[in-house]
Every structure is written in structure tokens, then in C-alpha cells.
């Protein structure tokens, strides 16, 4: 595996206009080193960080002169100042740190050194960027104040004229706005009056319409009653005609039946006379019976014949009365139909008048509301224009106040100029510092590359072994 830092081996050049990157740590949880400072011993031998971490007290005398250290050593050993112990063979440090503990200690130290170098470089770039922003802001402010000093009279004259024009325009717009507001008020009063008049007209026409509708309904009910009366009379006439036919048929049938019975009895009586019975008593009895029956049959025939004209007269009289009732029922139908037609026409006319008046009122009110809406839009536009002009006058006054303040306080301009010079001088030092820290970061990256790669590879291997062990246990 390879660290992402291996892709950043190229030297980093920083200029005043170059954007600065945000630092990122190599290892989360690594202890922060003092910002802007790289331990000198790491620049020479990063692996010595392991022994420095294990024996922190031994670095207490780093600031003492080298000659004093030699003398102290010689005095402690009882030897001469120039005498030294035999040096260890090369590669001893590598042998001491070749174990797993040394590998991890060396890797952690390398990661810390790389993180510290990167953080120091990033903080220096951030500080340089803040300084550049400060210089740009002070340059703009200084240029602005000097421009005011150079053109003070012109600025005052121009802004006073702009303020006067804006205030005059605002006054003119206020007069126009007042006129518009008065027109809106008049139109609203006119709309209210129009609504009242239209409401009165609609009520009057509604009363007329209701009366015409009631009259139409009354005429319709009257016509319906007359029609029902005529239908009843016609129904009675049809019923009486049927009854008369039935009565005449019944009378004619009674006559025919009486005639038939009388003929039958006469035939039997004639037959009995032609062939008298040997039994005189039986013959006498039967003869008397037939005589009585013939007498009754003749009486019945006479009665039936007499009933026929009477039935005809009575049923005809009832039919004549029914015909007269039908005629009497038909007589007012035409007048009722005419009255209904007139009432319906009057109702339709009243309904049309009411609808037309209502539609006309709605159209008039809608047109007037549109005019009011247009005037109110104009009113709002004028209010915005007035506000804009007042804001313009205020802006002009703010420019005048600023110009007078600049002229009244020249020491502020001088202070800004001195601060700008100091910032520019500091900028050069900052640029040099950033370049130096960039070179330091590059050197640390090169010196710690191998140990960081070994550390990351070891961590990755341990993780893989742990995963493999868990998988085998499952």
C-alpha cells in the first residue's frame, strides 16, 4: 500500500494570489506538534523520535554547549576531555528498531512528523491568506479615502445636487400620489353609491318578477282546475253514453225475451187445443195454467215495450245534461289559456329585465373596480418611487457625511497607510515562511516515506489477519 502523501512529492510554490488549501491529518488521533515548528532532529533522523518519546527527560540538556557536554562526560568517566568511547557499528539503531515494537513506534513518529509539517504549512498559508485579504481591504479603503481627498469639492457639489434633485422629485411624486389617492377615494365612493343604486333597482325588479311569477303560477293552477273540470265532464259524458247503450240493449233484450216466451206459450197453448188430453181434469188444469202464463207474458211484453221509450228518454236527457256540462267546462278554457299566456309573457319579461339589470350592474361595478385597481397600482408605484428618491437623497447625504469625515480626520488616512506598509512588509516575511515550510514538508515526506509505508502495510496486514481469524472462527 501507498500513502496519499506519495502523490504530493512535488514542491509547493505559494504566491500572493494563489488559493490556499485546507490541511488534512495523516492519522486521526495523532498528537499535535507545536504549529509552525518542526523538530530539528526529525529533519536529520526521523527514527530517533522513538527513543526521544521513550526517554523525554534526556533532552533536558539539549541547549547546553557541546563542549560542556564533552567535559561533563569526561569528568564523570575520569578520563581526558578528548577521550571518547568506542563508537557503535553502523546499523545498530536499525537493529534496535527492527522489531514489531520499533516498527510501530517508528511509524507513529513518522505519521506525527508528517502531520505536524503539513499542519504548520497549512496554518502558515491560512495566515498568509488572511494577511492578503487585509492588505486588499486596506488598499481599497486607502484608495477610496485619497480619492475623496483629491475630489472633495467635486463630490460635495455633485452629491448636494443629487440630494436636492431627489428631494424635489420626491416632493413632486408626493403631490402626484396625493392626487391619485384622492381619485381612488372618489372612485370608491362612486362604487359604493353605484352598489346601493343597483341593489335598489334589483330589489324593485325582483318584486316585479316575484309578482309576475305568482300570477303565472295562479293562472297555471286555474287552467289546470278548468282542464280537470272539462276532463271530468267528458268522462261523465262517455260514461252516460255507455250506460244508455247498455240500458237500450237491456230493454231490447227484455222485449225479445218476453216476445219469445209469449210465442212459446202460445204455441204450447195451440198445441194443447189441437190435441186435447184424454184426462179432462189434467187438460183443464194445464189450459188454465197456460192462460195465466200467456197473460203474464203478454203483460211483461207490454211492460218491456213501454220501458224502452222511457229508458231512451231518461238516458238521452242525462246525456244532454252531460253535453251541456262539457260545453260549460270548455267555455272558460280559452280565456284561461289567454290569461296564462299573458301571465307567462309578463313573467318572462320581468325575469329578462331582472337578469339584464343584474348583468349590467355587475359589468359597471367590474369596470369601476378595474379602474380602482389600476389607480391603486399607480399609487403603490408612486410610493415606491418616493421611497427610492428619499433613499437616493439619504445615500447622497451619506456620501457627503463620509467625505466631510475623511477631510476632518486625515490622521485616519495616515494610520491606514502606515498599517498597509507594515502589512506589505509582513507579507514578504510570510511568503518566505510559507515557502520554507513547504520545503520542510517536502523533506519530511521524503524522509518518512519508507517508515510510513511500512507502518500502513503493518496495520493493514494486522486488520486482514484479524478478519481472517474471525472468518475462520465463524
Protein backbone atom coordinates (compact mmCIF):
# COMPACT_ATOMS: atom_id res chain seq x y z
CA UNK A 1 0.00 0.00 0.00
CA UNK A 2 0.97 3.60 -0.55
CA UNK A 3 0.10 6.72 1.43
CA UNK A 4 -1.70 9.59 -0.29
CA UNK A 5 1.28 11.81 0.63
CA UNK A 6 3.31 9.99 -2.03
CA UNK A 7 1.24 11.88 -4.63
CA UNK A 8 2.30 15.23 -3.21
CA UNK A 9 6.08 14.98 -3.61
CA UNK A 10 6.30 17.96 -5.94
CA UNK A 11 7.45 21.23 -4.27
CA UNK A 12 4.65 23.62 -3.39
CA UNK A 13 5.10 27.19 -4.55
CA UNK A 14 2.94 29.91 -2.84
CA UNK A 15 2.25 33.33 -4.26
CA UNK A 16 0.11 36.25 -3.10
CA UNK A 17 -2.79 35.41 -5.44
CA UNK A 18 -2.68 31.60 -5.07
CA UNK A 19 -5.60 29.99 -3.11
CA UNK A 20 -4.53 28.15 0.00
CA UNK A 21 -5.60 24.57 0.72
CA UNK A 22 -7.04 23.24 3.95
CA UNK A 23 -4.72 20.83 5.79
CA UNK A 24 -5.64 17.23 6.46
CA UNK A 25 -4.07 14.89 9.03
CA UNK A 26 -2.46 11.59 8.01
CA UNK A 27 -3.62 9.73 11.11
CA UNK A 28 -6.64 10.54 13.22
CA UNK A 29 -5.88 10.89 16.91
CA UNK A 30 -2.19 11.71 16.43
CA UNK A 31 -0.89 14.22 18.97
CA UNK A 32 -0.42 17.75 17.60
CA UNK A 33 3.06 19.23 17.44
CA UNK A 34 3.63 22.96 18.06
CA UNK A 35 2.38 24.77 14.95
CA UNK A 36 4.99 26.25 12.63
CA UNK A 37 7.91 24.28 14.19
CA UNK A 38 9.46 21.00 13.01
CA UNK A 39 11.81 19.21 15.43
CA UNK A 40 15.34 19.59 14.13
CA UNK A 41 16.28 16.02 14.97
CA UNK A 42 13.41 14.69 12.81
CA UNK A 43 14.76 16.58 9.84
CA UNK A 44 18.06 14.68 10.27
CA UNK A 45 16.84 11.28 11.52
CA UNK A 46 13.07 10.70 11.94
CA UNK A 47 13.63 7.29 13.56
CA UNK A 48 15.25 8.96 16.57
CA UNK A 49 11.72 10.07 17.58
CA UNK A 50 11.17 6.65 19.09
CA UNK A 51 14.00 6.99 21.61
CA UNK A 52 13.00 10.64 22.24
CA UNK A 53 9.48 9.51 23.13
CA UNK A 54 10.76 6.73 25.42
CA UNK A 55 13.29 8.99 27.30
CA UNK A 56 11.77 12.51 27.40
CA UNK A 57 13.99 13.63 30.29
CA UNK A 58 17.18 13.03 28.37
CA UNK A 59 16.52 16.03 26.12
CA UNK A 60 16.68 18.49 29.03
CA UNK A 61 20.28 19.45 28.25
CA UNK A 62 19.94 19.95 24.50
CA UNK A 63 20.52 23.67 24.82
CA UNK A 64 23.89 23.30 26.63
CA UNK A 65 27.10 23.79 24.59
CA UNK A 66 28.60 20.73 23.08
CA UNK A 67 31.99 21.33 24.72
CA UNK A 68 30.42 21.33 28.18
CA UNK A 69 28.73 18.02 27.44
CA UNK A 70 32.04 16.51 26.46
CA UNK A 71 33.75 17.82 29.55
CA UNK A 72 30.98 16.54 31.80
CA UNK A 73 31.23 13.13 30.21
CA UNK A 74 34.95 13.05 30.56
CA UNK A 75 34.80 14.13 34.20
CA UNK A 76 32.22 11.52 35.01
CA UNK A 77 34.31 8.77 33.44
CA UNK A 78 37.52 10.00 34.95
CA UNK A 79 39.17 10.36 31.56
CA UNK A 80 40.52 13.18 29.49
CA UNK A 81 38.32 15.65 27.76
CA UNK A 82 39.34 14.46 24.37
CA UNK A 83 38.82 10.82 25.13
CA UNK A 84 35.69 9.22 23.64
CA UNK A 85 34.08 5.83 23.94
CA UNK A 86 34.36 3.44 21.03
CA UNK A 87 31.53 4.16 18.57
CA UNK A 88 28.90 1.51 17.87
CA UNK A 89 28.99 -0.02 14.43
CA UNK A 90 26.66 1.40 11.82
CA UNK A 91 23.27 -0.25 11.65
CA UNK A 92 22.87 -0.65 15.41
CA UNK A 93 19.85 1.72 15.51
CA UNK A 94 18.22 -0.19 12.69
CA UNK A 95 18.73 -3.42 14.60
CA UNK A 96 17.19 -1.88 17.75
CA UNK A 97 14.07 -0.73 15.91
CA UNK A 98 13.69 -3.75 13.65
CA UNK A 99 11.27 -5.50 15.98
CA UNK A 100 7.47 -5.08 15.91
CA UNK A 101 7.54 -2.54 18.73
CA UNK A 102 10.19 -0.49 16.99
CA UNK A 103 8.30 -0.67 13.68
CA UNK A 104 5.11 0.71 15.23
CA UNK A 105 6.96 3.37 17.23
CA UNK A 106 8.84 4.48 14.14
CA UNK A 107 5.60 4.54 12.09
CA UNK A 108 3.73 6.58 14.68
CA UNK A 109 6.60 9.03 14.96
CA UNK A 110 6.73 9.39 11.16
CA UNK A 111 2.99 9.99 10.98
CA UNK A 112 3.21 12.61 13.71
CA UNK A 113 6.12 14.33 11.98
CA UNK A 114 4.28 14.38 8.64
CA UNK A 115 1.08 15.67 10.27
CA UNK A 116 2.98 18.36 12.14
CA UNK A 117 4.77 19.52 8.99
CA UNK A 118 1.58 19.63 6.97
CA UNK A 119 -0.33 21.44 9.72
CA UNK A 120 2.44 24.03 10.11
CA UNK A 121 2.47 24.64 6.36
CA UNK A 122 -1.36 24.93 6.19
CA UNK A 123 -1.56 27.32 9.13
CA UNK A 124 1.13 29.50 7.56
CA UNK A 125 -0.81 29.58 4.28
CA UNK A 126 -4.03 30.47 6.10
CA UNK A 127 -2.29 33.26 7.90
CA UNK A 128 -0.83 34.49 4.60
CA UNK A 129 -4.30 34.45 3.02
CA UNK A 130 -5.75 36.46 5.90
CA UNK A 131 -2.91 38.95 5.55
CA UNK A 132 -3.54 39.24 1.80
CA UNK A 133 -7.24 39.91 2.42
CA UNK A 134 -6.34 42.55 4.98
CA UNK A 135 -3.92 44.21 2.53
CA UNK A 136 -6.56 44.21 -0.23
CA UNK A 137 -9.19 45.74 2.09
CA UNK A 138 -6.78 48.43 3.34
CA UNK A 139 -5.63 49.24 -0.19
CA UNK A 140 -9.27 49.71 -1.28
CA UNK A 141 -10.05 51.81 1.79
CA UNK A 142 -6.91 53.94 1.35
CA UNK A 143 -7.61 54.46 -2.35
CA UNK A 144 -11.19 55.42 -1.54
CA UNK A 145 -10.19 57.98 1.11
CA UNK A 146 -7.47 59.52 -1.07
CA UNK A 147 -9.91 59.75 -3.98
CA UNK A 148 -12.29 61.63 -1.66
CA UNK A 149 -9.48 63.96 -0.56
CA UNK A 150 -8.50 64.65 -4.17
CA UNK A 151 -12.06 65.27 -5.40
CA UNK A 152 -13.71 66.63 -2.26
CA UNK A 153 -15.19 69.81 -3.82
CA UNK A 154 -16.49 67.95 -6.84
CA UNK A 155 -18.02 65.18 -4.68
CA UNK A 156 -19.74 67.67 -2.35
CA UNK A 157 -21.15 69.67 -5.27
CA UNK A 158 -22.33 66.56 -7.12
CA UNK A 159 -23.92 64.87 -4.12
CA UNK A 160 -25.64 68.03 -2.91
CA UNK A 161 -27.13 68.49 -6.38
CA UNK A 162 -28.19 64.82 -6.41
CA UNK A 163 -29.75 65.17 -2.96
CA UNK A 164 -31.62 68.33 -3.98
CA UNK A 165 -32.90 66.75 -7.19
CA UNK A 166 -34.00 63.62 -5.32
CA UNK A 167 -35.82 65.62 -2.65
CA UNK A 168 -37.55 67.78 -5.27
CA UNK A 169 -38.56 64.68 -7.24
CA UNK A 170 -39.90 63.14 -4.02
CA UNK A 171 -42.00 66.24 -3.36
CA UNK A 172 -43.40 66.16 -6.91
CA UNK A 173 -44.17 62.47 -6.56
CA UNK A 174 -45.91 63.11 -3.23
CA UNK A 175 -48.17 65.67 -4.91
CA UNK A 176 -48.97 63.17 -7.67
CA UNK A 177 -49.56 60.49 -5.05
CA UNK A 178 -51.99 62.71 -3.14
CA UNK A 179 -53.92 63.38 -6.36
CA UNK A 180 -54.00 59.65 -7.12
CA UNK A 181 -55.17 58.87 -3.58
CA UNK A 182 -57.99 61.42 -3.95
CA UNK A 183 -59.07 59.82 -7.23
CA UNK A 184 -59.08 56.40 -5.57
CA UNK A 185 -61.26 57.75 -2.76
CA UNK A 186 -63.71 59.32 -5.24
CA UNK A 187 -63.90 56.12 -7.28
CA UNK A 188 -64.55 54.06 -4.14
CA UNK A 189 -67.35 56.42 -3.09
CA UNK A 190 -68.77 56.19 -6.59
CA UNK A 191 -68.59 52.40 -6.45
CA UNK A 192 -70.41 52.36 -3.12
CA UNK A 193 -73.15 54.64 -4.47
CA UNK A 194 -73.42 52.52 -7.60
CA UNK A 195 -73.83 49.39 -5.48
CA UNK A 196 -76.62 50.98 -3.48
CA UNK A 197 -78.45 52.13 -6.63
CA UNK A 198 -78.04 48.76 -8.31
CA UNK A 199 -79.24 47.00 -5.18
CA UNK A 200 -82.37 49.18 -5.08
CA UNK A 201 -83.06 48.53 -8.77
CA UNK A 202 -82.54 44.81 -8.35
CA UNK A 203 -84.92 44.71 -5.38
CA UNK A 204 -87.63 46.57 -7.33
CA UNK A 205 -87.25 44.29 -10.33
CA UNK A 206 -87.18 41.27 -8.04
CA UNK A 207 -90.52 42.32 -6.52
CA UNK A 208 -91.97 42.70 -10.02
CA UNK A 209 -90.57 39.33 -11.04
CA UNK A 210 -91.98 37.63 -7.95
CA UNK A 211 -95.43 39.17 -8.59
CA UNK A 212 -95.36 38.08 -12.25
CA UNK A 213 -94.21 34.62 -11.24
CA UNK A 214 -97.01 34.34 -8.69
CA UNK A 215 -99.56 35.49 -11.27
CA UNK A 216 -98.21 32.97 -13.75
CA UNK A 217 -98.43 30.23 -11.16
CA UNK A 218 -102.01 31.27 -10.27
CA UNK A 219 -103.02 31.24 -13.95
CA UNK A 220 -101.41 27.84 -14.36
CA UNK A 221 -103.34 26.47 -11.36
CA UNK A 222 -106.61 27.98 -12.62
CA UNK A 223 -106.10 26.50 -16.07
CA UNK A 224 -105.28 23.15 -14.52
CA UNK A 225 -108.53 23.21 -12.48
CA UNK A 226 -110.60 24.15 -15.56
CA UNK A 227 -108.95 21.41 -17.56
CA UNK A 228 -109.67 18.91 -14.81
CA UNK A 229 -113.34 20.06 -14.80
CA UNK A 230 -113.57 19.60 -18.57
CA UNK A 231 -111.91 16.18 -18.35
CA UNK A 232 -114.42 15.15 -15.68
CA UNK A 233 -117.38 16.36 -17.82
CA UNK A 234 -116.12 14.46 -20.84
CA UNK A 235 -115.59 11.40 -18.72
CA UNK A 236 -119.19 11.68 -17.40
CA UNK A 237 -120.50 12.06 -20.97
CA UNK A 238 -118.65 8.94 -22.11
CA UNK A 239 -119.95 7.03 -19.09
CA UNK A 240 -123.57 8.10 -19.76
CA UNK A 241 -123.28 7.11 -23.41
CA UNK A 242 -122.08 3.69 -22.38
CA UNK A 243 -124.88 3.40 -19.81
CA UNK A 244 -127.51 4.47 -22.39
CA UNK A 245 -126.29 1.89 -24.86
CA UNK A 246 -126.31 -0.74 -22.17
CA UNK A 247 -129.83 0.26 -21.00
CA UNK A 248 -131.27 0.23 -24.53
CA UNK A 249 -129.68 -3.10 -25.24
CA UNK A 250 -131.07 -4.49 -21.98
CA UNK A 251 -134.57 -3.18 -22.81
CA UNK A 252 -134.45 -4.60 -26.30
CA UNK A 253 -133.28 -7.90 -24.93
CA UNK A 254 -136.13 -7.89 -22.36
CA UNK A 255 -138.65 -7.27 -25.16
CA UNK A 256 -137.16 -10.02 -27.28
CA UNK A 257 -137.16 -12.40 -24.32
CA UNK A 258 -140.81 -11.53 -23.49
CA UNK A 259 -141.82 -11.97 -27.11
CA UNK A 260 -140.04 -15.29 -27.30
CA UNK A 261 -141.68 -16.54 -24.10
CA UNK A 262 -145.10 -15.39 -25.23
CA UNK A 263 -144.66 -17.14 -28.56
CA UNK A 264 -143.55 -20.29 -26.82
CA UNK A 265 -146.56 -20.24 -24.51
CA UNK A 266 -148.97 -19.51 -27.39
CA UNK A 267 -147.50 -22.36 -29.40
CA UNK A 268 -147.88 -24.73 -26.45
CA UNK A 269 -151.45 -23.49 -25.88
CA UNK A 270 -152.34 -24.02 -29.56
CA UNK A 271 -150.80 -27.48 -29.48
CA UNK A 272 -152.81 -28.29 -26.37
CA UNK A 273 -156.00 -27.14 -28.10
CA UNK A 274 -155.31 -29.23 -31.17
CA UNK A 275 -154.59 -32.33 -29.16
CA UNK A 276 -156.69 -32.28 -26.03
CA UNK A 277 -155.78 -34.85 -23.38
CA UNK A 278 -157.98 -37.84 -22.57
CA UNK A 279 -157.86 -36.73 -18.96
CA UNK A 280 -160.21 -33.81 -18.85
CA UNK A 281 -159.16 -32.69 -15.40
CA UNK A 282 -155.46 -32.54 -16.35
CA UNK A 283 -156.33 -30.80 -19.58
CA UNK A 284 -158.34 -28.19 -17.74
CA UNK A 285 -155.62 -27.52 -15.22
CA UNK A 286 -152.93 -27.17 -17.88
CA UNK A 287 -155.13 -24.98 -20.01
CA UNK A 288 -155.73 -22.58 -17.13
CA UNK A 289 -152.02 -22.52 -16.31
CA UNK A 290 -151.10 -21.64 -19.88
CA UNK A 291 -153.75 -18.96 -19.98
CA UNK A 292 -152.29 -17.36 -16.84
CA UNK A 293 -148.77 -17.67 -18.13
CA UNK A 294 -149.72 -16.21 -21.51
CA UNK A 295 -151.45 -13.35 -19.73
CA UNK A 296 -148.33 -12.71 -17.60
CA UNK A 297 -146.06 -12.95 -20.64
CA UNK A 298 -148.23 -10.51 -22.58
CA UNK A 299 -148.17 -8.12 -19.61
CA UNK A 300 -144.38 -8.45 -19.39
CA UNK A 301 -144.05 -7.77 -23.11
CA UNK A 302 -146.18 -4.69 -22.83
CA UNK A 303 -144.18 -3.51 -19.84
CA UNK A 304 -140.90 -4.10 -21.67
CA UNK A 305 -142.13 -2.25 -24.72
CA UNK A 306 -143.32 0.62 -22.57
CA UNK A 307 -139.98 0.78 -20.66
CA UNK A 308 -137.90 1.14 -23.83
CA UNK A 309 -139.03 4.67 -24.77
CA UNK A 310 -138.86 5.78 -21.14
CA UNK A 311 -135.29 4.45 -20.81
CA UNK A 312 -134.39 6.12 -24.09
CA UNK A 313 -135.79 9.47 -22.90
CA UNK A 314 -134.15 9.30 -19.47
CA UNK A 315 -130.69 8.31 -20.75
CA UNK A 316 -130.89 10.90 -23.53
CA UNK A 317 -131.79 13.59 -21.01
CA UNK A 318 -128.73 12.61 -18.89
CA UNK A 319 -126.53 12.71 -21.99
CA UNK A 320 -127.87 16.13 -22.95
CA UNK A 321 -127.08 17.39 -19.49
CA UNK A 322 -123.54 15.94 -19.74
CA UNK A 323 -123.03 17.57 -23.14
CA UNK A 324 -124.13 20.90 -21.66
CA UNK A 325 -121.66 20.38 -18.77
CA UNK A 326 -118.87 19.70 -21.26
CA UNK A 327 -119.73 22.83 -23.17
CA UNK A 328 -119.84 24.85 -19.95
CA UNK A 329 -116.44 23.43 -18.94
CA UNK A 330 -114.91 24.20 -22.35
CA UNK A 331 -116.15 27.78 -22.41
CA UNK A 332 -113.60 29.33 -19.90
CA UNK A 333 -110.66 27.28 -21.23
CA UNK A 334 -109.80 29.73 -24.00
CA UNK A 335 -109.91 32.72 -21.65
CA UNK A 336 -107.81 30.85 -19.07
CA UNK A 337 -105.27 29.93 -21.72
CA UNK A 338 -105.08 33.54 -22.84
CA UNK A 339 -104.66 34.72 -19.26
CA UNK A 340 -101.92 32.15 -18.66
CA UNK A 341 -100.09 33.13 -21.83
CA UNK A 342 -100.22 36.78 -20.80
CA UNK A 343 -99.02 35.95 -17.27
CA UNK A 344 -96.19 33.77 -18.63
CA UNK A 345 -95.13 36.50 -21.05
CA UNK A 346 -95.17 39.08 -18.26
CA UNK A 347 -93.13 36.73 -16.03
CA UNK A 348 -90.58 36.13 -18.79
CA UNK A 349 -90.32 39.85 -19.42
CA UNK A 350 -89.82 40.59 -15.72
CA UNK A 351 -87.24 37.79 -15.49
CA UNK A 352 -85.32 39.14 -18.51
CA UNK A 353 -85.43 42.67 -17.09
CA UNK A 354 -84.09 41.45 -13.74
CA UNK A 355 -81.30 39.41 -15.37
CA UNK A 356 -80.29 42.23 -17.71
CA UNK A 357 -80.25 44.75 -14.87
CA UNK A 358 -78.14 42.43 -12.71
CA UNK A 359 -75.67 41.71 -15.51
CA UNK A 360 -75.41 45.40 -16.38
CA UNK A 361 -74.79 46.26 -12.71
CA UNK A 362 -72.07 43.62 -12.46
CA UNK A 363 -70.41 44.91 -15.64
CA UNK A 364 -70.49 48.53 -14.41
CA UNK A 365 -69.14 47.59 -11.00
CA UNK A 366 -66.45 45.39 -12.54
CA UNK A 367 -65.28 48.20 -14.80
CA UNK A 368 -65.18 50.62 -11.87
CA UNK A 369 -63.32 48.11 -9.72
CA UNK A 370 -60.77 47.71 -12.52
CA UNK A 371 -60.25 51.48 -12.60
CA UNK A 372 -59.81 51.50 -8.83
CA UNK A 373 -57.29 48.63 -9.08
CA UNK A 374 -55.30 50.47 -11.76
CA UNK A 375 -55.24 53.62 -9.67
CA UNK A 376 -54.14 51.68 -6.59
CA UNK A 377 -51.33 50.06 -8.58
CA UNK A 378 -50.27 53.52 -9.71
CA UNK A 379 -50.45 54.64 -6.08
CA UNK A 380 -48.16 51.82 -4.95
CA UNK A 381 -45.76 52.58 -7.80
CA UNK A 382 -45.63 56.21 -6.76
CA UNK A 383 -44.99 55.18 -3.14
CA UNK A 384 -42.07 53.04 -4.31
CA UNK A 385 -40.74 55.90 -6.41
CA UNK A 386 -40.99 58.26 -3.44
CA UNK A 387 -39.13 55.76 -1.28
CA UNK A 388 -36.46 55.36 -3.96
CA UNK A 389 -35.97 59.11 -4.22
CA UNK A 390 -35.78 59.50 -0.44
CA UNK A 391 -33.27 56.65 -0.32
CA UNK A 392 -31.28 58.36 -3.04
CA UNK A 393 -31.29 61.60 -1.05
CA UNK A 394 -30.19 59.69 2.06
CA UNK A 395 -27.44 57.97 0.07
CA UNK A 396 -26.23 61.35 -1.22
CA UNK A 397 -26.22 62.71 2.33
CA UNK A 398 -24.27 59.63 3.47
CA UNK A 399 -21.65 60.30 0.78
CA UNK A 400 -21.43 63.95 1.91
CA UNK A 401 -21.07 62.90 5.55
CA UNK A 402 -18.37 60.41 4.63
CA UNK A 403 -16.45 62.97 2.57
CA UNK A 404 -16.61 65.52 5.40
CA UNK A 405 -15.48 62.89 7.89
CA UNK A 406 -12.50 61.97 5.68
CA UNK A 407 -11.45 65.63 5.37
CA UNK A 408 -12.00 66.19 9.08
CA UNK A 409 -9.83 63.21 10.09
CA UNK A 410 -6.73 62.95 7.88
CA UNK A 411 -4.93 61.10 10.66
CA UNK A 412 -7.14 58.08 9.97
CA UNK A 413 -5.93 58.00 6.36
CA UNK A 414 -2.32 58.20 7.52
CA UNK A 415 -2.89 55.42 10.04
CA UNK A 416 -4.32 53.20 7.29
CA UNK A 417 -1.33 53.98 5.07
CA UNK A 418 1.16 53.10 7.83
CA UNK A 419 -0.74 49.90 8.63
CA UNK A 420 -0.71 48.99 4.92
CA UNK A 421 3.05 49.47 4.71
CA UNK A 422 3.53 47.26 7.75
CA UNK A 423 1.24 44.60 6.27
CA UNK A 424 3.13 44.65 2.98
CA UNK A 425 6.43 44.24 4.82
CA UNK A 426 4.96 41.35 6.81
CA UNK A 427 3.64 39.84 3.61
CA UNK A 428 7.16 39.26 2.28
CA UNK A 429 8.17 37.51 5.50
CA UNK A 430 5.03 35.40 5.40
CA UNK A 431 5.69 34.36 1.80
CA UNK A 432 9.22 33.32 2.70
CA UNK A 433 7.93 31.43 5.74
CA UNK A 434 5.35 29.57 3.65
CA UNK A 435 7.98 28.62 1.08
CA UNK A 436 10.31 27.41 3.84
CA UNK A 437 7.57 25.34 5.48
CA UNK A 438 6.62 23.90 2.08
CA UNK A 439 10.23 22.78 1.58
CA UNK A 440 10.28 21.36 5.11
CA UNK A 441 7.05 19.44 4.47
CA UNK A 442 8.50 18.03 1.27
CA UNK A 443 11.72 16.98 3.03
CA UNK A 444 9.80 15.31 5.90
CA UNK A 445 7.64 13.50 3.38
CA UNK A 446 10.68 12.16 1.57
CA UNK A 447 12.48 11.16 4.80
CA UNK A 448 9.47 9.39 6.36
CA UNK A 449 8.06 7.76 3.25
CA UNK A 450 9.54 4.33 3.88
CA UNK A 451 8.59 4.16 7.56
CA UNK A 452 5.04 5.37 6.87
CA UNK A 453 4.59 2.79 4.11
CA UNK A 454 5.83 0.02 6.43
CA UNK A 455 3.51 1.25 9.22
CA UNK A 456 0.44 1.36 6.96
CA UNK A 457 1.28 -2.03 5.49
CA UNK A 458 1.63 -3.47 9.01
CA UNK A 459 -1.69 -2.01 10.13
CA UNK A 460 -3.37 -3.34 7.00
CA UNK A 461 -1.85 -6.77 7.49
CA UNK A 462 -2.99 -6.93 11.10
CA UNK A 463 -6.51 -5.94 10.07
CA UNK A 464 -6.57 -8.61 7.37
CA UNK A 465 -5.30 -11.22 9.80
CA UNK A 466 -7.97 -10.24 12.31
CA UNK A 467 -10.69 -10.51 9.66
CA UNK A 468 -9.33 -13.87 8.53
CA UNK A 469 -9.24 -15.13 12.10
CA UNK A 470 -12.83 -14.07 12.74
CA UNK A 471 -13.93 -15.67 9.48
CA UNK A 472 -12.22 -18.94 10.40
CA UNK A 473 -13.87 -18.89 13.84
CA UNK A 474 -17.28 -18.41 12.25
